[in-house]
C-alpha cells in the first residue's frame, strides 16, 4: 500500500531531485524520495545489527581491526 503525503523541501533539493528525474536517474520525484527513505531504513537496520553484534560479542578492538586489515591486504 502507498500513501500520498506532502513534504516541504528546500528549493535546491527540489531542483536536484527534478534533475535526477530528467536525467533518468530516478523514475519520478516520488521514486527518488522513496529510494532515499529506503536507503535510510537500510542504514538504520545495519546500525541496529552492529549494535546487536556489539552487545552479543563485544566491541571490535584494535587487535581485531589490525587482523582484518592484514587479512584484506590493507596492512
Protein backbone atom coordinates (compact mmCIF):
# COMPACT_ATOMS: atom_id res chain seq x y z
CA UNK A 1 0.00 0.00 0.00
CA UNK A 2 1.18 3.52 -0.65
CA UNK A 3 0.08 6.81 0.81
CA UNK A 4 0.25 10.21 -0.76
CA UNK A 5 1.78 12.83 1.51
CA UNK A 6 3.01 16.39 1.15
CA UNK A 7 6.52 17.38 2.18
CA UNK A 8 8.38 20.66 2.17
CA UNK A 9 11.94 20.69 0.87
CA UNK A 10 14.48 23.41 0.27
CA UNK A 11 14.46 24.71 -3.29
CA UNK A 12 17.92 23.33 -4.06
CA UNK A 13 16.82 19.82 -3.08
CA UNK A 14 13.77 20.03 -5.32
CA UNK A 15 15.96 21.18 -8.22
CA UNK A 16 18.35 18.30 -7.58
CA UNK A 17 15.54 15.74 -7.44
CA UNK A 18 13.92 17.02 -10.62
CA UNK A 19 17.30 16.98 -12.35
CA UNK A 20 17.76 13.34 -11.33
CA UNK A 21 14.36 12.51 -12.79
CA UNK A 22 15.06 14.42 -16.01
CA UNK A 23 18.39 12.61 -16.39
CA UNK A 24 16.73 9.24 -15.86
CA UNK A 25 18.49 8.59 -12.55
CA UNK A 26 15.12 8.32 -10.81
CA UNK A 27 11.77 7.21 -12.20
CA UNK A 28 9.88 10.10 -10.60
CA UNK A 29 10.04 12.56 -7.73
CA UNK A 30 8.15 10.04 -5.61
CA UNK A 31 10.53 7.29 -6.71
CA UNK A 32 13.52 9.41 -5.75
CA UNK A 33 12.11 10.16 -2.30
CA UNK A 34 11.11 6.53 -1.80
CA UNK A 35 14.62 5.34 -2.68
CA UNK A 36 16.15 7.88 -0.29
CA UNK A 37 13.89 6.74 2.54
CA UNK A 38 14.66 3.08 1.76
CA UNK A 39 18.39 3.85 1.93
CA UNK A 40 17.98 5.44 5.37
CA UNK A 41 15.96 2.43 6.51
CA UNK A 42 18.76 0.07 5.36
CA UNK A 43 21.32 2.20 7.18
CA UNK A 44 19.20 2.10 10.33
CA UNK A 45 18.84 -1.68 10.02
CA UNK A 46 22.61 -2.05 9.63
CA UNK A 47 23.26 0.19 12.63
CA UNK A 48 20.87 -1.94 14.68
CA UNK A 49 22.63 -5.13 13.56
CA UNK A 50 26.01 -3.70 14.50
CA UNK A 51 24.67 -2.63 17.90
CA UNK A 52 23.26 -6.13 18.43
CA UNK A 53 26.60 -7.71 17.49
CA UNK A 54 28.46 -5.38 19.85
CA UNK A 55 26.14 -6.38 22.68
CA UNK A 56 26.44 -10.08 21.86
CA UNK A 57 30.14 -10.31 21.00
CA UNK A 58 31.64 -7.15 22.43
CA UNK A 59 33.01 -4.20 20.53
CA UNK A 60 35.68 -4.53 17.85
CA UNK A 61 39.07 -3.60 19.26
CA UNK A 62 42.33 -2.51 17.65
CA UNK A 63 43.61 -6.10 17.52
CA UNK A 64 40.54 -7.16 15.56
CA UNK A 65 40.93 -4.24 13.17
CA UNK A 66 44.62 -4.99 12.63
CA UNK A 67 43.79 -8.63 11.88
CA UNK A 68 41.10 -7.60 9.39
CA UNK A 69 43.44 -5.13 7.68
CA UNK A 70 46.09 -7.84 7.33
CA UNK A 71 43.58 -10.43 6.11
CA UNK A 72 42.32 -7.98 3.49
CA UNK A 73 45.81 -6.97 2.42
CA UNK A 74 45.39 -3.44 3.70
CA UNK A 75 48.23 -3.55 6.21
